[in-house]
Amino acid sequence: MGRTIVSLLAIAALAGSLSFNSSAGAQTAAAPAENAAPTADNAVMLTIFLKHDQSRPLSELNAQLEKQGYYKAFPPQGVEVVSWYVIMGIGQVVTLRLPASRLREVNRILENTAWGSYRTEFYPNYDYKAIGIAAHDKAQ
């Protein structure tokens, strides 16, 4: 239980620092963020729901994505794709691992290239597998 609270506090601190460091008003095109590799002390994971517009045919959606440069820009170089699934009836679910400093860059790429074909939802997350398995093993 204590680890969970510490983890939740860490996520809240990260979210708070990201919101306080942003400028007010509309976002402008960002200069490319540093190309740092994700490490244990700077990495975040981000799960993105790309919900497709079901009122339009897939060929039309793909043509729009191509025109907007989605396939060329996403995912950006140096960002690790942890998983990328098609979920029937929803669209795609992509989990990325990236340095926290590149979060805005990923968001801007999707705003500029995916909107129109997809509605987006973002969920920051972390790898709980080792902790969960250890808790299970300890309970045995």
C-alpha atoms as a PDB file:
ATOM      1  CA  MET A   1       0.000   0.000   0.000  1.00  0.00           C
ATOM      2  CA  GLY A   2       2.840   2.395   0.868  1.00  0.00           C
ATOM      3  CA  ARG A   3       4.498   1.893  -2.527  1.00  0.00           C
ATOM      4  CA  THR A   4       1.219   2.619  -4.279  1.00  0.00           C
ATOM      5  CA  ILE A   5       0.841   5.920  -2.429  1.00  0.00           C
ATOM      6  CA  VAL A   6       4.442   6.882  -3.209  1.00  0.00           C
ATOM      7  CA  SER A   7       3.904   5.999  -6.884  1.00  0.00           C
ATOM      8  CA  LEU A   8       0.692   8.022  -7.048  1.00  0.00           C
ATOM      9  CA  LEU A   9       2.411  10.988  -5.396  1.00  0.00           C
ATOM     10  CA  ALA A  10       5.242  10.772  -7.934  1.00  0.00           C
ATOM     11  CA  ILE A  11       2.744  10.793 -10.817  1.00  0.00           C
ATOM     12  CA  ALA A  12       0.912  13.753  -9.276  1.00  0.00           C
ATOM     13  CA  ALA A  13       4.193  15.646  -8.861  1.00  0.00           C
ATOM     14  CA  LEU A  14       5.114  14.972 -12.494  1.00  0.00           C
ATOM     15  CA  ALA A  15       1.698  16.111 -13.701  1.00  0.00           C
ATOM     16  CA  GLY A  16       1.905  19.230 -11.546  1.00  0.00           C
ATOM     17  CA  SER A  17       5.346  20.171 -12.779  1.00  0.00           C
ATOM     18  CA  LEU A  18       4.289  19.678 -16.384  1.00  0.00           C
ATOM     19  CA  SER A  19       1.224  21.894 -15.933  1.00  0.00           C
ATOM     20  CA  PHE A  20       3.120  24.685 -14.120  1.00  0.00           C
ATOM     21  CA  ASN A  21       5.870  24.763 -16.733  1.00  0.00           C
ATOM     22  CA  SER A  22       3.481  25.277 -19.635  1.00  0.00           C
ATOM     23  CA  SER A  23       2.698  28.758 -20.889  1.00  0.00           C
ATOM     24  CA  ALA A  24      -0.841  30.112 -20.879  1.00  0.00           C
ATOM     25  CA  GLY A  25      -2.789  30.358 -24.107  1.00  0.00           C
ATOM     26  CA  ALA A  26      -2.668  28.361 -27.288  1.00  0.00           C
ATOM     27  CA  GLN A  27       0.319  26.206 -28.015  1.00  0.00           C
ATOM     28  CA  THR A  28       2.683  27.203 -30.753  1.00  0.00           C
ATOM     29  CA  ALA A  29       4.897  24.932 -32.776  1.00  0.00           C
ATOM     30  CA  ALA A  30       7.623  23.668 -30.487  1.00  0.00           C
ATOM     31  CA  ALA A  31      11.280  23.527 -31.274  1.00  0.00           C
ATOM     32  CA  PRO A  32      12.332  19.877 -31.366  1.00  0.00           C
ATOM     33  CA  ALA A  33      12.944  18.622 -27.839  1.00  0.00           C
ATOM     34  CA  GLU A  34      16.267  17.146 -26.906  1.00  0.00           C
ATOM     35  CA  ASN A  35      16.731  13.651 -28.236  1.00  0.00           C
ATOM     36  CA  ALA A  36      17.480  12.129 -24.847  1.00  0.00           C
ATOM     37  CA  ALA A  37      16.826   8.424 -24.500  1.00  0.00           C
ATOM     38  CA  PRO A  38      14.339   7.325 -21.849  1.00  0.00           C
ATOM     39  CA  THR A  39      16.119   6.178 -18.691  1.00  0.00           C
ATOM     40  CA  ALA A  40      14.879   4.927 -15.328  1.00  0.00           C
ATOM     41  CA  ASP A  41      15.031   8.431 -13.852  1.00  0.00           C
ATOM     42  CA  ASN A  42      13.450  10.416 -16.724  1.00  0.00           C
ATOM     43  CA  ALA A  43      11.103   8.032 -18.561  1.00  0.00           C
ATOM     44  CA  VAL A  44       7.342   8.138 -18.608  1.00  0.00           C
ATOM     45  CA  MET A  45       4.986   5.802 -20.335  1.00  0.00           C
ATOM     46  CA  LEU A  46       2.026   7.195 -22.211  1.00  0.00           C
ATOM     47  CA  THR A  47      -0.929   5.194 -23.508  1.00  0.00           C
ATOM     48  CA  ILE A  48      -2.772   6.927 -26.329  1.00  0.00           C
ATOM     49  CA  PHE A  49      -6.248   5.963 -27.530  1.00  0.00           C
ATOM     50  CA  LEU A  50      -6.677   6.890 -31.189  1.00  0.00           C
ATOM     51  CA  LYS A  51     -10.445   6.595 -31.644  1.00  0.00           C
ATOM     52  CA  HIS A  52     -11.283   6.568 -35.339  1.00  0.00           C
ATOM     53  CA  ASP A  53     -14.146   8.507 -36.886  1.00  0.00           C
ATOM     54  CA  GLN A  54     -16.610   5.697 -37.645  1.00  0.00           C
ATOM     55  CA  SER A  55     -18.744   7.931 -39.865  1.00  0.00           C
ATOM     56  CA  ARG A  56     -16.051   7.854 -42.573  1.00  0.00           C
ATOM     57  CA  PRO A  57     -14.561   4.922 -44.527  1.00  0.00           C
ATOM     58  CA  LEU A  58     -11.094   3.689 -43.598  1.00  0.00           C
ATOM     59  CA  SER A  59      -9.657   4.641 -46.990  1.00  0.00           C
ATOM     60  CA  GLU A  60     -10.727   8.257 -46.423  1.00  0.00           C
ATOM     61  CA  LEU A  61      -9.236   8.298 -42.902  1.00  0.00           C
ATOM     62  CA  ASN A  62      -5.938   6.862 -44.143  1.00  0.00           C
ATOM     63  CA  ALA A  63      -5.805   9.407 -46.991  1.00  0.00           C
ATOM     64  CA  GLN A  64      -6.272  12.232 -44.485  1.00  0.00           C
ATOM     65  CA  LEU A  65      -3.571  10.807 -42.188  1.00  0.00           C
ATOM     66  CA  GLU A  66      -1.198  10.554 -45.160  1.00  0.00           C
ATOM     67  CA  LYS A  67      -1.958  14.124 -46.258  1.00  0.00           C
ATOM     68  CA  GLN A  68      -1.362  15.468 -42.726  1.00  0.00           C
ATOM     69  CA  GLY A  69       1.963  13.617 -42.438  1.00  0.00           C
ATOM     70  CA  TYR A  70       0.902  11.292 -39.628  1.00  0.00           C
ATOM     71  CA  TYR A  71       2.745   8.234 -40.889  1.00  0.00           C
ATOM     72  CA  LYS A  72       5.936  10.230 -41.341  1.00  0.00           C
ATOM     73  CA  ALA A  73       5.839  11.988 -37.939  1.00  0.00           C
ATOM     74  CA  PHE A  74       4.409   9.392 -35.521  1.00  0.00           C
ATOM     75  CA  PRO A  75       5.993   7.931 -33.548  1.00  0.00           C
ATOM     76  CA  PRO A  76       8.892  10.392 -33.441  1.00  0.00           C
ATOM     77  CA  GLN A  77      12.412   9.047 -33.737  1.00  0.00           C
ATOM     78  CA  GLY A  78      13.876   8.029 -30.379  1.00  0.00           C
ATOM     79  CA  VAL A  79      10.508   7.341 -28.718  1.00  0.00           C
ATOM     80  CA  GLU A  80      10.068   3.661 -27.826  1.00  0.00           C
ATOM     81  CA  VAL A  81       6.846   1.930 -28.892  1.00  0.00           C
ATOM     82  CA  VAL A  82       5.979  -0.476 -26.059  1.00  0.00           C
ATOM     83  CA  SER A  83       2.793  -1.741 -27.729  1.00  0.00           C
ATOM     84  CA  TRP A  84       0.519  -0.801 -30.631  1.00  0.00           C
ATOM     85  CA  TYR A  85      -2.818  -2.564 -30.986  1.00  0.00           C
ATOM     86  CA  VAL A  86      -5.893  -2.220 -33.156  1.00  0.00           C
ATOM     87  CA  ILE A  87      -8.992  -2.492 -30.987  1.00  0.00           C
ATOM     88  CA  MET A  88     -12.012  -3.310 -33.129  1.00  0.00           C
ATOM     89  CA  GLY A  89     -14.757  -0.721 -32.758  1.00  0.00           C
ATOM     90  CA  ILE A  90     -12.418   1.798 -31.112  1.00  0.00           C
ATOM     91  CA  GLY A  91      -9.340   2.360 -33.236  1.00  0.00           C
ATOM     92  CA  GLN A  92      -5.755   2.021 -32.062  1.00  0.00           C
ATOM     93  CA  VAL A  93      -4.129   1.961 -28.640  1.00  0.00           C
ATOM     94  CA  VAL A  94      -0.428   2.874 -28.545  1.00  0.00           C
ATOM     95  CA  THR A  95       1.809   2.800 -25.467  1.00  0.00           C
ATOM     96  CA  LEU A  96       5.049   4.765 -25.702  1.00  0.00           C
ATOM     97  CA  ARG A  97       8.054   5.071 -23.387  1.00  0.00           C
ATOM     98  CA  LEU A  98       9.741   8.460 -23.659  1.00  0.00           C
ATOM     99  CA  PRO A  99      11.712  11.034 -21.703  1.00  0.00           C
ATOM    100  CA  ALA A 100       9.325  13.361 -19.860  1.00  0.00           C
ATOM    101  CA  SER A 101      10.954  16.275 -21.705  1.00  0.00           C
ATOM    102  CA  ARG A 102       9.457  14.979 -24.997  1.00  0.00           C
ATOM    103  CA  LEU A 103       5.835  14.724 -23.829  1.00  0.00           C
ATOM    104  CA  ARG A 104       4.819  18.021 -25.421  1.00  0.00           C
ATOM    105  CA  GLU A 105       6.484  17.032 -28.700  1.00  0.00           C
ATOM    106  CA  VAL A 106       4.426  13.817 -28.898  1.00  0.00           C
ATOM    107  CA  ASN A 107       1.240  15.718 -28.089  1.00  0.00           C
ATOM    108  CA  ARG A 108       1.909  18.334 -30.791  1.00  0.00           C
ATOM    109  CA  ILE A 109       2.633  15.671 -33.418  1.00  0.00           C
ATOM    110  CA  LEU A 110      -0.737  14.066 -32.762  1.00  0.00           C
ATOM    111  CA  GLU A 111      -2.555  17.419 -32.695  1.00  0.00           C
ATOM    112  CA  ASN A 112      -1.055  18.335 -36.066  1.00  0.00           C
ATOM    113  CA  THR A 113      -1.273  14.994 -37.848  1.00  0.00           C
ATOM    114  CA  ALA A 114      -3.923  12.717 -36.278  1.00  0.00           C
ATOM    115  CA  TRP A 115      -6.803  15.032 -35.465  1.00  0.00           C
ATOM    116  CA  GLY A 116      -9.636  14.743 -37.948  1.00  0.00           C
ATOM    117  CA  SER A 117      -9.155  11.021 -38.438  1.00  0.00           C
ATOM    118  CA  TYR A 118      -8.846  10.261 -34.713  1.00  0.00           C
ATOM    119  CA  ARG A 119     -10.066  11.629 -31.431  1.00  0.00           C
ATOM    120  CA  THR A 120      -7.259  11.235 -28.915  1.00  0.00           C
ATOM    121  CA  GLU A 121      -7.128  10.317 -25.235  1.00  0.00           C
ATOM    122  CA  PHE A 122      -3.889  10.270 -23.240  1.00  0.00           C
ATOM    123  CA  TYR A 123      -3.155   8.203 -20.140  1.00  0.00           C
ATOM    124  CA  PRO A 124       0.215   8.432 -18.342  1.00  0.00           C
ATOM    125  CA  ASN A 125       1.115   5.103 -16.773  1.00  0.00           C
ATOM    126  CA  TYR A 126       3.956   3.041 -15.379  1.00  0.00           C
ATOM    127  CA  ASP A 127       5.106  -0.565 -15.438  1.00  0.00           C
ATOM    128  CA  TYR A 128       3.617  -2.325 -12.415  1.00  0.00           C
ATOM    129  CA  LYS A 129       4.330  -5.900 -13.508  1.00  0.00           C
ATOM    130  CA  ALA A 130       7.334  -6.584 -11.234  1.00  0.00           C
ATOM    131  CA  ILE A 131       5.592  -5.080  -8.199  1.00  0.00           C
ATOM    132  CA  GLY A 132       2.378  -6.990  -8.850  1.00  0.00           C
ATOM    133  CA  ILE A 133       4.174 -10.305  -9.337  1.00  0.00           C
ATOM    134  CA  ALA A 134       6.277  -9.733  -6.198  1.00  0.00           C
ATOM    135  CA  ALA A 135       3.127  -9.030  -4.165  1.00  0.00           C
ATOM    136  CA  HIS A 136       1.497 -12.162  -5.552  1.00  0.00           C
ATOM    137  CA  ASP A 137       4.567 -14.295  -4.805  1.00  0.00           C
ATOM    138  CA  LYS A 138       4.795 -12.899  -1.266  1.00  0.00           C
ATOM    139  CA  ALA A 139       1.131 -13.753  -0.640  1.00  0.00           C
ATOM    140  CA  GLN A 140       1.670 -17.416  -1.581  1.00  0.00           C
END
